[in-house]
């Protein structure tokens, strides 16, 4: 990975939705970091909810595998997929937690300027 692409914390296209608009509808370079932090906190919570839902489904499939030995293999595959989704959701929640901390840090830094 090249150096110019390594540090990309606030250069995503979706961050443009936090830009404030000038009166003549041109975008300014001002970013509402509080709004951005709130967005990332919300997304982090959604990630955590996804972890809980995927884990619950995996446990359900594990129970079904024991209860229905004829189709146990099918249930075990579904359990593995659900656990994979839970791990991915945890990664997403951690990613959003990092962005939330960065946005708060930026808000604090810009507030003191």
Protein backbone atom coordinates (compact mmCIF):
# COMPACT_ATOMS: atom_id res chain seq x y z
CA UNK A 1 0.00 0.00 0.00
CA UNK A 2 1.47 3.36 -0.94
CA UNK A 3 1.94 6.06 1.66
CA UNK A 4 -0.58 8.45 0.14
CA UNK A 5 -3.33 5.84 0.56
CA UNK A 6 -2.33 4.66 4.02
CA UNK A 7 -3.76 7.52 6.11
CA UNK A 8 -7.25 8.08 4.75
CA UNK A 9 -9.29 8.79 7.87
CA UNK A 10 -11.46 11.63 6.61
CA UNK A 11 -11.28 11.34 2.85
CA UNK A 12 -14.17 9.00 2.16
CA UNK A 13 -16.94 10.13 -0.13
CA UNK A 14 -19.58 9.47 2.54
CA UNK A 15 -17.91 12.08 4.75
CA UNK A 16 -19.08 14.75 2.31
CA UNK A 17 -22.56 14.47 3.80
CA UNK A 18 -21.19 16.21 6.88
CA UNK A 19 -20.07 19.27 4.94
CA UNK A 20 -21.93 22.47 5.53
CA UNK A 21 -23.22 24.39 2.53
CA UNK A 22 -22.63 28.04 1.74
CA UNK A 23 -25.62 30.21 0.96
CA UNK A 24 -25.04 29.90 -2.80
CA UNK A 25 -25.14 26.07 -2.49
CA UNK A 26 -21.40 25.62 -2.97
CA UNK A 27 -19.80 23.17 -0.60
CA UNK A 28 -17.39 24.67 1.87
CA UNK A 29 -14.44 22.79 3.28
CA UNK A 30 -15.96 22.99 6.78
CA UNK A 31 -16.86 19.64 8.28
CA UNK A 32 -19.26 19.27 11.20
CA UNK A 33 -17.17 16.87 13.27
CA UNK A 34 -19.83 16.54 15.97
CA UNK A 35 -22.30 15.32 13.34
CA UNK A 36 -19.67 13.00 11.95
CA UNK A 37 -18.92 11.57 15.42
CA UNK A 38 -22.64 11.03 16.02
CA UNK A 39 -22.94 9.20 12.69
CA UNK A 40 -20.01 6.90 13.49
CA UNK A 41 -21.36 6.23 16.99
CA UNK A 42 -24.71 5.26 15.44
CA UNK A 43 -22.99 2.97 12.95
CA UNK A 44 -20.93 1.41 15.76
CA UNK A 45 -24.14 0.63 17.64
CA UNK A 46 -25.63 -0.95 14.51
CA UNK A 47 -22.50 -3.08 14.20
CA UNK A 48 -22.86 -4.24 17.81
CA UNK A 49 -26.53 -5.07 17.23
CA UNK A 50 -25.53 -7.09 14.17
CA UNK A 51 -23.03 -9.03 16.29
CA UNK A 52 -25.78 -9.89 18.77
CA UNK A 53 -28.25 -10.90 16.06
CA UNK A 54 -25.76 -13.05 14.14
CA UNK A 55 -24.56 -14.73 17.35
CA UNK A 56 -28.14 -15.47 18.42
CA UNK A 57 -28.86 -17.01 15.01
CA UNK A 58 -25.67 -19.10 15.21
CA UNK A 59 -26.70 -20.43 18.62
CA UNK A 60 -30.15 -21.20 17.24
CA UNK A 61 -28.63 -23.20 14.37
CA UNK A 62 -26.31 -25.01 16.80
CA UNK A 63 -29.38 -26.03 18.81
CA UNK A 64 -31.19 -27.11 15.62
CA UNK A 65 -28.21 -29.28 14.63
CA UNK A 66 -28.53 -31.21 17.91
CA UNK A 67 -32.31 -31.34 17.70
CA UNK A 68 -32.45 -32.42 14.03
CA UNK A 69 -29.60 -34.93 13.46
CA UNK A 70 -30.90 -35.79 9.99
CA UNK A 71 -30.10 -32.23 8.80
CA UNK A 72 -27.26 -31.52 11.24
CA UNK A 73 -24.73 -30.79 8.49
CA UNK A 74 -26.97 -28.10 6.98
CA UNK A 75 -27.47 -26.49 10.41
CA UNK A 76 -23.73 -26.56 11.17
CA UNK A 77 -22.99 -24.78 7.89
CA UNK A 78 -25.59 -22.11 8.73
CA UNK A 79 -24.05 -21.79 12.20
CA UNK A 80 -20.58 -21.23 10.71
CA UNK A 81 -21.90 -18.62 8.28
CA UNK A 82 -23.70 -16.80 11.11
CA UNK A 83 -20.55 -16.79 13.25
CA UNK A 84 -18.57 -15.43 10.30
CA UNK A 85 -21.14 -12.64 9.99
CA UNK A 86 -20.82 -11.96 13.73
CA UNK A 87 -17.03 -11.63 13.44
CA UNK A 88 -17.37 -9.34 10.41
CA UNK A 89 -19.90 -7.20 12.28
CA UNK A 90 -17.53 -6.94 15.23
CA UNK A 91 -14.82 -5.75 12.86
CA UNK A 92 -17.18 -3.16 11.42
CA UNK A 93 -18.16 -1.96 14.92
CA UNK A 94 -14.47 -1.62 15.84
CA UNK A 95 -13.80 0.26 12.59
CA UNK A 96 -16.64 2.69 13.34
CA UNK A 97 -15.44 3.07 16.95
CA UNK A 98 -12.06 4.15 15.57
CA UNK A 99 -13.70 6.67 13.21
CA UNK A 100 -15.85 7.99 16.06
CA UNK A 101 -12.74 8.59 18.19
CA UNK A 102 -11.00 10.30 15.26
CA UNK A 103 -13.99 12.58 14.63
CA UNK A 104 -14.14 13.54 18.31
CA UNK A 105 -10.41 14.26 18.27
CA UNK A 106 -10.81 16.42 15.15
CA UNK A 107 -13.76 18.27 16.69
CA UNK A 108 -11.71 19.02 19.78
CA UNK A 109 -8.73 20.11 17.67
CA UNK A 110 -10.84 22.40 15.46
CA UNK A 111 -12.69 23.82 18.45
CA UNK A 112 -9.39 25.04 19.91
CA UNK A 113 -8.22 26.73 16.70
